[in-house]
Amino acid sequence: MMPMMGGMGFWIILVILLVVAFIAVMASQSQAESTSAKEKRKGISKSAREIADERLATGDISPEEHQEIRQRIQDQA
């Protein structure tokens, strides 16, 4: 009877470890939520002009591209 209990103990420990791993993964995913998603949920959104300004500041776009984007924004308004 003793060897069977040892085998059951292994499976119980394995199930507990899997549950703990699952909870840890779920917790880390919820903390990894992006700031923009949090801002959208709060109703905070950036205007197209603000996004273009940020992209220019970070070097994602050139000053010429920035000017073109701003012109398009102004034409749409």
Foldseek 3Di string as FASTA:
>chain_A
DVVVVVVVVVVVVVVVVVVVVVVVVVVVVVVPDDPVVVCVVVVHDDDQLVVLVVCCVVVVDDPVVSVVSVVVVVVVD
